[in-house]
Amino acid sequence: MMNLNRETLYYRHRLSHQQIDMLLGENNASNFADDKMRILQNIKKIITVTNLFRKELIHFIPSKSQIQLLNLHVHYSWHVIYIYQFN
């Protein structure tokens, strides 16, 4: 049987703290606000780069969009996964 704890769910399965709270019946996501800020800062960086591409009329295709669409259907949120790769 798998040990479902916050550390395993967060680091191995890459779930958000809100998702972990739902699975474990806890309410501790607010204790990880620094992690949420880091994620939002990374999203800001991605948006900044894509805005620069658009400003310079550089066409691009975000290669992870299919994964994000899948997350929208599976988890009802495209914010669920963390991608540690930039193509």
Protein backbone atom coordinates (compact mmCIF):
# COMPACT_ATOMS: atom_id res chain seq x y z
CA MET A 1 0.00 0.00 0.00
CA MET A 2 1.28 3.46 -0.91
CA ASN A 3 2.04 5.90 1.87
CA LEU A 4 0.00 9.00 1.06
CA ASN A 5 1.64 11.88 2.84
CA ARG A 6 2.14 15.51 1.86
CA GLU A 7 5.79 15.08 0.94
CA THR A 8 5.17 12.12 -1.40
CA LEU A 9 2.14 13.73 -3.02
CA TYR A 10 3.95 17.03 -3.52
CA TYR A 11 7.42 15.95 -4.62
CA ARG A 12 6.73 12.62 -6.32
CA HIS A 13 3.27 13.17 -7.75
CA ARG A 14 3.57 16.97 -8.18
CA LEU A 15 0.18 17.76 -6.67
CA SER A 16 -0.57 21.24 -5.40
CA HIS A 17 -1.03 21.81 -1.68
CA GLN A 18 -4.72 22.51 -2.30
CA GLN A 19 -5.09 19.11 -3.99
CA ILE A 20 -3.19 17.42 -1.17
CA ASP A 21 -5.51 19.04 1.36
CA MET A 22 -8.51 17.62 -0.53
CA LEU A 23 -6.99 14.12 -0.63
CA LEU A 24 -5.83 14.07 2.99
CA GLY A 25 -8.81 15.95 4.44
CA GLU A 26 -6.53 18.71 5.74
CA ASN A 27 -6.55 22.48 5.55
CA ASN A 28 -2.84 23.33 5.48
CA ALA A 29 -2.34 24.82 2.02
CA SER A 30 -2.14 28.33 3.47
CA ASN A 31 1.02 27.25 5.33
CA PHE A 32 2.78 26.97 1.96
CA ALA A 33 2.19 30.50 0.66
CA ASP A 34 5.90 30.90 -0.18
CA ASP A 35 5.64 27.92 -2.53
CA LYS A 36 2.57 29.42 -4.20
CA MET A 37 4.45 32.72 -4.66
CA ARG A 38 7.33 30.88 -6.33
CA ILE A 39 4.93 29.20 -8.73
CA LEU A 40 3.20 32.50 -9.53
CA GLN A 41 6.58 34.17 -10.13
CA ASN A 42 7.47 31.40 -12.59
CA ILE A 43 4.17 31.87 -14.38
CA LYS A 44 4.89 35.61 -14.56
CA LYS A 45 8.26 34.86 -16.20
CA ILE A 46 6.62 32.65 -18.81
CA ILE A 47 4.00 35.30 -19.56
CA THR A 48 6.72 37.95 -19.87
CA VAL A 49 8.63 35.85 -22.41
CA THR A 50 5.52 35.07 -24.43
CA ASN A 51 4.56 38.76 -24.43
CA LEU A 52 8.02 39.65 -25.75
CA PHE A 53 7.62 37.07 -28.51
CA ARG A 54 4.25 38.54 -29.48
CA LYS A 55 5.58 42.10 -29.36
CA GLU A 56 8.38 41.17 -31.76
CA LEU A 57 5.92 39.19 -33.93
CA ILE A 58 7.80 35.97 -33.25
CA HIS A 59 5.43 33.06 -33.76
CA PHE A 60 5.68 30.19 -31.33
CA ILE A 61 3.75 27.14 -30.27
CA PRO A 62 3.72 26.33 -26.56
CA SER A 63 4.69 22.66 -26.62
CA LYS A 64 3.05 21.78 -23.30
CA SER A 65 -0.42 23.03 -24.23
CA GLN A 66 -1.80 19.54 -24.85
CA ILE A 67 -0.74 18.48 -21.37
CA GLN A 68 -2.41 21.56 -19.93
CA LEU A 69 -5.63 20.80 -21.82
CA LEU A 70 -5.54 17.26 -20.46
CA ASN A 71 -5.18 18.66 -16.93
CA LEU A 72 -8.16 20.90 -17.51
CA HIS A 73 -10.27 17.84 -18.31
CA VAL A 74 -8.84 15.60 -15.58
CA HIS A 75 -8.39 18.04 -12.68
CA TYR A 76 -10.72 20.87 -13.78
CA SER A 77 -7.74 23.21 -13.53
CA TRP A 78 -4.80 23.82 -15.84
CA HIS A 79 -2.76 25.08 -12.87
CA VAL A 80 -2.30 21.57 -11.52
CA ILE A 81 1.00 20.45 -13.01
CA TYR A 82 4.45 21.92 -12.69
CA ILE A 83 6.65 21.70 -15.74
CA TYR A 84 10.37 21.93 -15.10
CA GLN A 85 11.32 22.26 -18.74
CA PHE A 86 11.39 25.13 -21.20
CA ASN A 87 11.54 24.30 -24.90
